[in-house]
Amino acid sequence: MTKNMLNTQFSKYIYKSVFTFFLSLLIINCSDDDSQNENNDTGSNPDLEDIDFTSATTATDKQGNTYEVGFNQVSDINQDPFVRKKNLSGETLWYIEHEKSEVDGRTTLIFIDNNDIPWVVFTVVGGSNNASYITSQAIEDNAFSGVYQTNYGTGGGSKVSIIARLNPDTGKIQKATYVIAKRNDGKTNGLVVKELGIRDKKIAVLAESAAWPPGTGTSYLKFPEITDADRVNGVFKMYYQIHPKLNEIISAEILRN
C-alpha cells in the first residue's frame, strides 16, 4: 500500500471521527433542551375548552351549601378578605376574615371541586409578620409549609395571588401557596389568578402578570425564552397546571390572545 493511499485512508478516518463526535454533541444538546422545556410551552395556545374555568365569587356544593367570597373595606386604604358558608336554609355556618393585618387583602374567586372541597384565590399586596396576616390568621397546622412558595418574597406593593384549599367544615386554610412574578432584580412583582378549574385532577389556572411569570418547577423559575414581545395588551397571559398538593407547577404555557 502506497504512502498516498495510507494518508488518504487516515484523513477519511479522522474526518469520520470528528463528524461523529460533533453529531453526538448535537444530539445530546437537543435532548437536554427538549427535557428542559417539555412542560414549558412557548408555541400556540393550548386547547382549554374541556376545562370548566370559573371566576365566580359564589358557589354551591352538592349538599346545597353556598359559599360567598369578597372583602371588607375597613379603611380608605385597607381591605380584609372573607369567606362565608351558609346552609340550605340560608343560615351562616361559618364566616372568616382570613387576613386582618395592615396589608391589603381580597378574596377574588371560589371553586368547588368534585369532592365538595372549596378552593379560593386571595390577593395580597405585601408580606407581614403580623399575627393577623394571612399566613397566621385562620390556618391549619403547616398550611403554608411544603408548598410551591411559602411567602410573598422580597419587595412590596405589588398584588400577588394565593391559591388556597379550605377546610369545608371550619373555613380554615388547609394548604396554600403564593404565585408570583419577578422583576429583573429578583423582587416580587404582580401576578393575578383570573380563573380556576380542574383538569386531570390538577388545578388549572389562568393568570396574568406584569413582570416575568414562572415556568414549571417546585419553586419560582422564570419562564424560559420569554420576551416582552410575548405580552398581550401589556401583560403576560399564562395557563398553568398545579399539583393539588400545591407544591409544584407541573406545566406552564403562554397564551397568545
C-alpha atoms as a PDB file:
ATOM      1  CA  MET A   1       0.000   0.000   0.000  1.00  0.00           C
ATOM      2  CA  THR A   2       1.466   3.349  -1.035  1.00  0.00           C
ATOM      3  CA  LYS A   3       2.111   6.253   1.246  1.00  0.00           C
ATOM      4  CA  ASN A   4      -0.524   8.365  -0.542  1.00  0.00           C
ATOM      5  CA  MET A   5      -3.170   5.682  -0.039  1.00  0.00           C
ATOM      6  CA  LEU A   6      -2.336   5.489   3.661  1.00  0.00           C
ATOM      7  CA  ASN A   7      -2.628   9.244   4.007  1.00  0.00           C
ATOM      8  CA  THR A   8      -5.979   9.242   2.212  1.00  0.00           C
ATOM      9  CA  GLN A   9      -7.422   6.493   4.434  1.00  0.00           C
ATOM     10  CA  PHE A  10      -6.096   8.205   7.562  1.00  0.00           C
ATOM     11  CA  SER A  11      -7.696  11.508   6.516  1.00  0.00           C
ATOM     12  CA  LYS A  12     -11.039   9.784   5.912  1.00  0.00           C
ATOM     13  CA  TYR A  13     -10.803   8.158   9.353  1.00  0.00           C
ATOM     14  CA  ILE A  14     -10.089  11.480  11.054  1.00  0.00           C
ATOM     15  CA  TYR A  15     -12.948  13.179   9.196  1.00  0.00           C
ATOM     16  CA  LYS A  16     -15.401  10.434  10.110  1.00  0.00           C
ATOM     17  CA  SER A  17     -14.343  10.518  13.767  1.00  0.00           C
ATOM     18  CA  VAL A  18     -14.682  14.304  14.038  1.00  0.00           C
ATOM     19  CA  PHE A  19     -18.069  14.219  12.291  1.00  0.00           C
ATOM     20  CA  THR A  20     -19.341  11.508  14.636  1.00  0.00           C
ATOM     21  CA  PHE A  21     -18.102  13.418  17.706  1.00  0.00           C
ATOM     22  CA  PHE A  22     -19.878  16.658  16.783  1.00  0.00           C
ATOM     23  CA  LEU A  23     -23.036  14.802  15.772  1.00  0.00           C
ATOM     24  CA  SER A  24     -23.095  13.192  19.215  1.00  0.00           C
ATOM     25  CA  LEU A  25     -22.754  16.584  20.902  1.00  0.00           C
ATOM     26  CA  LEU A  26     -25.617  17.952  18.814  1.00  0.00           C
ATOM     27  CA  ILE A  27     -27.906  15.063  19.786  1.00  0.00           C
ATOM     28  CA  ILE A  28     -27.050  15.459  23.480  1.00  0.00           C
ATOM     29  CA  ASN A  29     -27.698  19.212  23.425  1.00  0.00           C
ATOM     30  CA  CYS A  30     -31.020  18.807  21.635  1.00  0.00           C
ATOM     31  CA  SER A  31     -32.043  16.148  24.126  1.00  0.00           C
ATOM     32  CA  ASP A  32     -31.191  18.444  27.059  1.00  0.00           C
ATOM     33  CA  ASP A  33     -33.165  21.317  25.560  1.00  0.00           C
ATOM     34  CA  ASP A  34     -36.195  19.118  24.981  1.00  0.00           C
ATOM     35  CA  SER A  35     -36.200  17.793  28.550  1.00  0.00           C
ATOM     36  CA  GLN A  36     -35.817  21.288  29.978  1.00  0.00           C
ATOM     37  CA  ASN A  37     -38.701  22.796  28.008  1.00  0.00           C
ATOM     38  CA  GLU A  38     -41.075  19.868  27.555  1.00  0.00           C
ATOM     39  CA  ASN A  39     -43.538  21.322  30.101  1.00  0.00           C
ATOM     40  CA  ASN A  40     -42.897  24.980  29.239  1.00  0.00           C
ATOM     41  CA  ASP A  41     -44.858  25.530  26.039  1.00  0.00           C
ATOM     42  CA  THR A  42     -43.957  28.635  24.055  1.00  0.00           C
ATOM     43  CA  GLY A  43     -45.985  27.661  20.991  1.00  0.00           C
ATOM     44  CA  SER A  44     -49.620  28.155  20.058  1.00  0.00           C
ATOM     45  CA  ASN A  45     -52.478  28.380  22.541  1.00  0.00           C
ATOM     46  CA  PRO A  46     -53.465  25.116  24.259  1.00  0.00           C
ATOM     47  CA  ASP A  47     -56.936  23.638  23.896  1.00  0.00           C
ATOM     48  CA  LEU A  48     -58.726  24.647  27.103  1.00  0.00           C
ATOM     49  CA  GLU A  49     -62.318  24.003  26.053  1.00  0.00           C
ATOM     50  CA  ASP A  50     -62.608  20.902  28.255  1.00  0.00           C
ATOM     51  CA  ILE A  51     -61.888  22.901  31.424  1.00  0.00           C
ATOM     52  CA  ASP A  52     -64.775  24.419  33.346  1.00  0.00           C
ATOM     53  CA  PHE A  53     -62.983  27.575  34.469  1.00  0.00           C
ATOM     54  CA  THR A  54     -64.628  29.928  36.925  1.00  0.00           C
ATOM     55  CA  SER A  55     -64.071  33.419  38.289  1.00  0.00           C
ATOM     56  CA  ALA A  56     -67.229  33.298  40.404  1.00  0.00           C
ATOM     57  CA  THR A  57     -67.481  34.849  43.848  1.00  0.00           C
ATOM     58  CA  THR A  58     -70.260  32.437  44.893  1.00  0.00           C
ATOM     59  CA  ALA A  59     -70.526  28.642  44.622  1.00  0.00           C
ATOM     60  CA  THR A  60     -72.843  25.870  45.792  1.00  0.00           C
ATOM     61  CA  ASP A  61     -71.751  22.391  46.872  1.00  0.00           C
ATOM     62  CA  LYS A  62     -73.607  19.089  46.386  1.00  0.00           C
ATOM     63  CA  GLN A  63     -75.415  19.464  49.731  1.00  0.00           C
ATOM     64  CA  GLY A  64     -76.821  22.842  48.753  1.00  0.00           C
ATOM     65  CA  ASN A  65     -74.462  24.839  50.983  1.00  0.00           C
ATOM     66  CA  THR A  66     -73.444  28.136  49.462  1.00  0.00           C
ATOM     67  CA  TYR A  67     -70.120  29.930  49.672  1.00  0.00           C
ATOM     68  CA  GLU A  68     -69.531  33.628  49.197  1.00  0.00           C
ATOM     69  CA  VAL A  69     -66.160  35.382  48.928  1.00  0.00           C
ATOM     70  CA  GLY A  70     -65.179  39.021  48.897  1.00  0.00           C
ATOM     71  CA  PHE A  71     -63.564  41.676  51.060  1.00  0.00           C
ATOM     72  CA  ASN A  72     -64.455  44.312  53.619  1.00  0.00           C
ATOM     73  CA  GLN A  73     -63.317  47.893  53.064  1.00  0.00           C
ATOM     74  CA  VAL A  74     -62.013  48.572  56.572  1.00  0.00           C
ATOM     75  CA  SER A  75     -60.380  51.912  55.721  1.00  0.00           C
ATOM     76  CA  ASP A  76     -59.707  54.134  52.743  1.00  0.00           C
ATOM     77  CA  ILE A  77     -56.541  52.180  52.004  1.00  0.00           C
ATOM     78  CA  ASN A  78     -57.133  48.746  53.501  1.00  0.00           C
ATOM     79  CA  GLN A  79     -59.280  45.707  52.700  1.00  0.00           C
ATOM     80  CA  ASP A  80     -59.733  42.404  54.551  1.00  0.00           C
ATOM     81  CA  PRO A  81     -60.701  39.235  52.649  1.00  0.00           C
ATOM     82  CA  PHE A  82     -63.519  36.972  53.796  1.00  0.00           C
ATOM     83  CA  VAL A  83     -65.243  33.671  53.005  1.00  0.00           C
ATOM     84  CA  ARG A  84     -68.776  32.860  54.218  1.00  0.00           C
ATOM     85  CA  LYS A  85     -70.581  29.500  54.163  1.00  0.00           C
ATOM     86  CA  LYS A  86     -74.357  29.151  54.532  1.00  0.00           C
ATOM     87  CA  ASN A  87     -76.504  26.038  54.709  1.00  0.00           C
ATOM     88  CA  LEU A  88     -79.523  25.249  52.544  1.00  0.00           C
ATOM     89  CA  SER A  89     -81.741  27.307  54.854  1.00  0.00           C
ATOM     90  CA  GLY A  90     -79.536  30.370  54.490  1.00  0.00           C
ATOM     91  CA  GLU A  91     -78.065  30.169  57.990  1.00  0.00           C
ATOM     92  CA  THR A  92     -74.397  31.098  58.307  1.00  0.00           C
ATOM     93  CA  LEU A  93     -72.310  28.055  59.217  1.00  0.00           C
ATOM     94  CA  TRP A  94     -69.075  29.995  59.451  1.00  0.00           C
ATOM     95  CA  TYR A  95     -67.614  33.332  58.432  1.00  0.00           C
ATOM     96  CA  ILE A  96     -63.878  34.024  58.403  1.00  0.00           C
ATOM     97  CA  GLU A  97     -61.773  37.056  57.600  1.00  0.00           C
ATOM     98  CA  HIS A  98     -58.544  35.336  56.606  1.00  0.00           C
ATOM     99  CA  GLU A  99     -56.379  38.452  56.752  1.00  0.00           C
ATOM    100  CA  LYS A 100     -56.708  41.438  59.102  1.00  0.00           C
ATOM    101  CA  SER A 101     -53.245  42.992  59.093  1.00  0.00           C
ATOM    102  CA  GLU A 102     -52.108  46.291  57.602  1.00  0.00           C
ATOM    103  CA  VAL A 103     -51.674  44.554  54.226  1.00  0.00           C
ATOM    104  CA  ASP A 104     -54.458  44.947  51.680  1.00  0.00           C
ATOM    105  CA  GLY A 105     -56.106  41.588  51.000  1.00  0.00           C
ATOM    106  CA  ARG A 106     -59.077  40.308  48.997  1.00  0.00           C
ATOM    107  CA  THR A 107     -60.757  37.009  48.211  1.00  0.00           C
ATOM    108  CA  THR A 108     -61.410  37.131  44.483  1.00  0.00           C
ATOM    109  CA  LEU A 109     -62.973  33.801  43.483  1.00  0.00           C
ATOM    110  CA  ILE A 110     -64.107  30.392  44.700  1.00  0.00           C
ATOM    111  CA  PHE A 111     -64.228  26.969  43.077  1.00  0.00           C
ATOM    112  CA  ILE A 112     -65.802  23.773  44.476  1.00  0.00           C
ATOM    113  CA  ASP A 113     -64.138  20.566  43.285  1.00  0.00           C
ATOM    114  CA  ASN A 114     -65.781  17.172  42.720  1.00  0.00           C
ATOM    115  CA  ASN A 115     -65.194  16.242  46.368  1.00  0.00           C
ATOM    116  CA  ASP A 116     -67.018  19.350  47.621  1.00  0.00           C
ATOM    117  CA  ILE A 117     -63.736  20.948  48.696  1.00  0.00           C
ATOM    118  CA  PRO A 118     -63.646  24.746  48.343  1.00  0.00           C
ATOM    119  CA  TRP A 119     -60.656  26.345  46.626  1.00  0.00           C
ATOM    120  CA  VAL A 120     -60.257  30.111  46.763  1.00  0.00           C
ATOM    121  CA  VAL A 121     -57.920  32.753  45.441  1.00  0.00           C
ATOM    122  CA  PHE A 122     -56.701  35.544  47.690  1.00  0.00           C
ATOM    123  CA  THR A 123     -54.700  38.569  46.623  1.00  0.00           C
ATOM    124  CA  VAL A 124     -52.298  40.483  48.875  1.00  0.00           C
ATOM    125  CA  VAL A 125     -50.055  43.455  48.176  1.00  0.00           C
ATOM    126  CA  GLY A 126     -47.213  42.628  50.548  1.00  0.00           C
ATOM    127  CA  GLY A 127     -45.905  40.408  53.290  1.00  0.00           C
ATOM    128  CA  SER A 128     -46.133  40.854  57.046  1.00  0.00           C
ATOM    129  CA  ASN A 129     -45.085  39.287  60.352  1.00  0.00           C
ATOM    130  CA  ASN A 130     -48.349  40.412  61.931  1.00  0.00           C
ATOM    131  CA  ALA A 131     -50.236  37.604  63.693  1.00  0.00           C
ATOM    132  CA  SER A 132     -53.332  38.705  61.774  1.00  0.00           C
ATOM    133  CA  TYR A 133     -51.613  38.261  58.394  1.00  0.00           C
ATOM    134  CA  ILE A 134     -52.964  35.588  56.070  1.00  0.00           C
ATOM    135  CA  THR A 135     -50.210  33.072  56.837  1.00  0.00           C
ATOM    136  CA  SER A 136     -51.225  33.099  60.538  1.00  0.00           C
ATOM    137  CA  GLN A 137     -54.798  34.348  60.885  1.00  0.00           C
ATOM    138  CA  ALA A 138     -57.020  31.343  60.110  1.00  0.00           C
ATOM    139  CA  ILE A 139     -54.905  28.362  59.137  1.00  0.00           C
ATOM    140  CA  GLU A 140     -54.432  24.720  59.998  1.00  0.00           C
ATOM    141  CA  ASP A 141     -51.001  23.426  61.011  1.00  0.00           C
ATOM    142  CA  ASN A 142     -48.380  23.658  58.234  1.00  0.00           C
ATOM    143  CA  ALA A 143     -50.804  25.267  55.813  1.00  0.00           C
ATOM    144  CA  PHE A 144     -48.011  27.225  54.121  1.00  0.00           C
ATOM    145  CA  SER A 145     -45.310  24.556  54.559  1.00  0.00           C
ATOM    146  CA  GLY A 146     -44.063  22.218  51.834  1.00  0.00           C
ATOM    147  CA  VAL A 147     -45.723  24.236  49.085  1.00  0.00           C
ATOM    148  CA  TYR A 148     -44.521  25.887  45.892  1.00  0.00           C
ATOM    149  CA  GLN A 149     -43.985  29.295  47.512  1.00  0.00           C
ATOM    150  CA  THR A 150     -44.383  29.835  51.233  1.00  0.00           C
ATOM    151  CA  ASN A 151     -44.307  33.639  51.396  1.00  0.00           C
ATOM    152  CA  TYR A 152     -44.636  36.907  49.498  1.00  0.00           C
ATOM    153  CA  GLY A 153     -40.930  37.199  48.752  1.00  0.00           C
ATOM    154  CA  THR A 154     -38.868  40.389  48.633  1.00  0.00           C
ATOM    155  CA  GLY A 155     -40.268  43.787  47.829  1.00  0.00           C
ATOM    156  CA  GLY A 156     -43.800  45.006  48.378  1.00  0.00           C
ATOM    157  CA  GLY A 157     -46.693  46.919  46.900  1.00  0.00           C
ATOM    158  CA  SER A 158     -47.415  44.546  44.015  1.00  0.00           C
ATOM    159  CA  LYS A 159     -50.555  42.428  44.024  1.00  0.00           C
ATOM    160  CA  VAL A 160     -49.862  38.692  44.017  1.00  0.00           C
ATOM    161  CA  SER A 161     -52.118  35.673  44.321  1.00  0.00           C
ATOM    162  CA  ILE A 162     -52.530  32.912  46.874  1.00  0.00           C
ATOM    163  CA  ILE A 163     -54.278  29.705  45.837  1.00  0.00           C
ATOM    164  CA  ALA A 164     -55.780  28.022  48.894  1.00  0.00           C
ATOM    165  CA  ARG A 165     -57.693  24.874  49.773  1.00  0.00           C
ATOM    166  CA  LEU A 166     -60.115  25.427  52.654  1.00  0.00           C
ATOM    167  CA  ASN A 167     -61.493  23.040  55.229  1.00  0.00           C
ATOM    168  CA  PRO A 168     -65.213  22.929  54.346  1.00  0.00           C
ATOM    169  CA  ASP A 169     -66.177  22.356  57.999  1.00  0.00           C
ATOM    170  CA  THR A 170     -64.268  25.260  59.505  1.00  0.00           C
ATOM    171  CA  GLY A 171     -63.214  27.591  56.683  1.00  0.00           C
ATOM    172  CA  LYS A 172     -59.584  27.499  57.776  1.00  0.00           C
ATOM    173  CA  ILE A 173     -56.823  27.299  55.182  1.00  0.00           C
ATOM    174  CA  GLN A 174     -55.652  23.689  54.895  1.00  0.00           C
ATOM    175  CA  LYS A 175     -52.997  24.299  52.243  1.00  0.00           C
ATOM    176  CA  ALA A 176     -51.977  27.381  50.286  1.00  0.00           C
ATOM    177  CA  THR A 177     -49.244  28.701  48.056  1.00  0.00           C
ATOM    178  CA  TYR A 178     -48.264  32.104  46.759  1.00  0.00           C
ATOM    179  CA  VAL A 179     -47.908  32.507  42.993  1.00  0.00           C
ATOM    180  CA  ILE A 180     -45.780  35.471  41.955  1.00  0.00           C
ATOM    181  CA  ALA A 181     -43.900  37.060  39.102  1.00  0.00           C
ATOM    182  CA  LYS A 182     -40.472  38.654  39.444  1.00  0.00           C
ATOM    183  CA  ARG A 183     -38.688  41.730  38.117  1.00  0.00           C
ATOM    184  CA  ASN A 184     -35.195  41.675  36.617  1.00  0.00           C
ATOM    185  CA  ASP A 185     -33.764  42.473  40.051  1.00  0.00           C
ATOM    186  CA  GLY A 186     -35.424  39.384  41.552  1.00  0.00           C
ATOM    187  CA  LYS A 187     -38.006  41.292  43.577  1.00  0.00           C
ATOM    188  CA  THR A 188     -41.619  40.168  43.719  1.00  0.00           C
ATOM    189  CA  ASN A 189     -43.999  41.656  41.175  1.00  0.00           C
ATOM    190  CA  GLY A 190     -47.643  41.319  40.320  1.00  0.00           C
ATOM    191  CA  LEU A 191     -49.361  38.106  39.256  1.00  0.00           C
ATOM    192  CA  VAL A 192     -53.127  37.756  39.458  1.00  0.00           C
ATOM    193  CA  VAL A 193     -55.024  34.497  39.081  1.00  0.00           C
ATOM    194  CA  LYS A 194     -58.082  35.252  36.951  1.00  0.00           C
ATOM    195  CA  GLU A 195     -59.798  31.844  36.804  1.00  0.00           C
ATOM    196  CA  LEU A 196     -59.554  28.375  38.347  1.00  0.00           C
ATOM    197  CA  GLY A 197     -60.642  24.913  37.253  1.00  0.00           C
ATOM    198  CA  ILE A 198     -59.694  21.246  37.317  1.00  0.00           C
ATOM    199  CA  ARG A 199     -58.009  19.205  34.595  1.00  0.00           C
ATOM    200  CA  ASP A 200     -56.783  15.627  35.056  1.00  0.00           C
ATOM    201  CA  LYS A 201     -57.031  16.047  38.856  1.00  0.00           C
ATOM    202  CA  LYS A 202     -54.697  19.062  38.682  1.00  0.00           C
ATOM    203  CA  ILE A 203     -55.504  22.693  39.479  1.00  0.00           C
ATOM    204  CA  ALA A 204     -55.929  24.565  36.211  1.00  0.00           C
ATOM    205  CA  VAL A 205     -55.069  28.258  36.407  1.00  0.00           C
ATOM    206  CA  LEU A 206     -55.429  31.240  34.107  1.00  0.00           C
ATOM    207  CA  ALA A 207     -53.248  34.111  35.260  1.00  0.00           C
ATOM    208  CA  GLU A 208     -51.805  37.443  34.159  1.00  0.00           C
ATOM    209  CA  SER A 209     -48.523  39.017  35.209  1.00  0.00           C
ATOM    210  CA  ALA A 210     -46.878  42.373  34.731  1.00  0.00           C
ATOM    211  CA  ALA A 211     -43.325  41.075  35.133  1.00  0.00           C
ATOM    212  CA  TRP A 212     -41.640  37.739  34.343  1.00  0.00           C
ATOM    213  CA  PRO A 213     -44.043  34.856  35.093  1.00  0.00           C
ATOM    214  CA  PRO A 214     -42.871  31.500  36.451  1.00  0.00           C
ATOM    215  CA  GLY A 215     -42.334  28.361  34.434  1.00  0.00           C
ATOM    216  CA  THR A 216     -42.533  24.830  35.752  1.00  0.00           C
ATOM    217  CA  GLY A 217     -40.884  23.641  38.955  1.00  0.00           C
ATOM    218  CA  THR A 218     -41.216  23.322  42.703  1.00  0.00           C
ATOM    219  CA  SER A 219     -40.190  26.954  43.244  1.00  0.00           C
ATOM    220  CA  TYR A 220     -40.005  30.095  41.122  1.00  0.00           C
ATOM    221  CA  LEU A 221     -38.067  29.763  37.883  1.00  0.00           C
ATOM    222  CA  LYS A 222     -38.541  32.374  35.172  1.00  0.00           C
ATOM    223  CA  PHE A 223     -40.484  31.052  32.199  1.00  0.00           C
ATOM    224  CA  PRO A 224     -37.806  30.154  29.610  1.00  0.00           C
ATOM    225  CA  GLU A 225     -37.160  32.126  26.424  1.00  0.00           C
ATOM    226  CA  ILE A 226     -39.779  34.750  27.243  1.00  0.00           C
ATOM    227  CA  THR A 227     -39.509  38.331  25.951  1.00  0.00           C
ATOM    228  CA  ASP A 228     -41.594  41.491  26.027  1.00  0.00           C
ATOM    229  CA  ALA A 229     -42.865  40.508  22.575  1.00  0.00           C
ATOM    230  CA  ASP A 230     -44.901  37.779  24.295  1.00  0.00           C
ATOM    231  CA  ARG A 231     -47.100  40.330  26.064  1.00  0.00           C
ATOM    232  CA  VAL A 232     -50.765  40.698  25.130  1.00  0.00           C
ATOM    233  CA  ASN A 233     -52.163  44.148  25.891  1.00  0.00           C
ATOM    234  CA  GLY A 234     -49.194  44.834  28.147  1.00  0.00           C
ATOM    235  CA  VAL A 235     -49.315  41.657  30.257  1.00  0.00           C
ATOM    236  CA  PHE A 236     -48.203  38.052  30.076  1.00  0.00           C
ATOM    237  CA  LYS A 237     -51.214  35.742  29.892  1.00  0.00           C
ATOM    238  CA  MET A 238     -50.456  32.288  31.287  1.00  0.00           C
ATOM    239  CA  TYR A 239     -52.011  28.860  31.684  1.00  0.00           C
ATOM    240  CA  TYR A 240     -50.750  26.616  34.481  1.00  0.00           C
ATOM    241  CA  GLN A 241     -51.417  23.182  35.850  1.00  0.00           C
ATOM    242  CA  ILE A 242     -50.552  22.976  39.546  1.00  0.00           C
ATOM    243  CA  HIS A 243     -50.269  19.835  41.644  1.00  0.00           C
ATOM    244  CA  PRO A 244     -53.249  19.511  44.039  1.00  0.00           C
ATOM    245  CA  LYS A 245     -50.767  19.445  46.934  1.00  0.00           C
ATOM    246  CA  LEU A 246     -49.809  22.966  45.772  1.00  0.00           C
ATOM    247  CA  ASN A 247     -46.128  22.028  45.775  1.00  0.00           C
ATOM    248  CA  GLU A 248     -45.333  22.227  42.060  1.00  0.00           C
ATOM    249  CA  ILE A 249     -46.216  23.949  38.808  1.00  0.00           C
ATOM    250  CA  ILE A 250     -46.436  20.909  36.540  1.00  0.00           C
ATOM    251  CA  SER A 251     -46.982  22.672  33.222  1.00  0.00           C
ATOM    252  CA  ALA A 252     -46.840  26.274  32.052  1.00  0.00           C
ATOM    253  CA  GLU A 253     -47.921  27.809  28.762  1.00  0.00           C
ATOM    254  CA  ILE A 254     -48.042  31.328  27.328  1.00  0.00           C
ATOM    255  CA  LEU A 255     -51.400  32.357  25.877  1.00  0.00           C
ATOM    256  CA  ARG A 256     -51.228  34.413  22.702  1.00  0.00           C
ATOM    257  CA  ASN A 257     -54.610  36.088  22.884  1.00  0.00           C
END
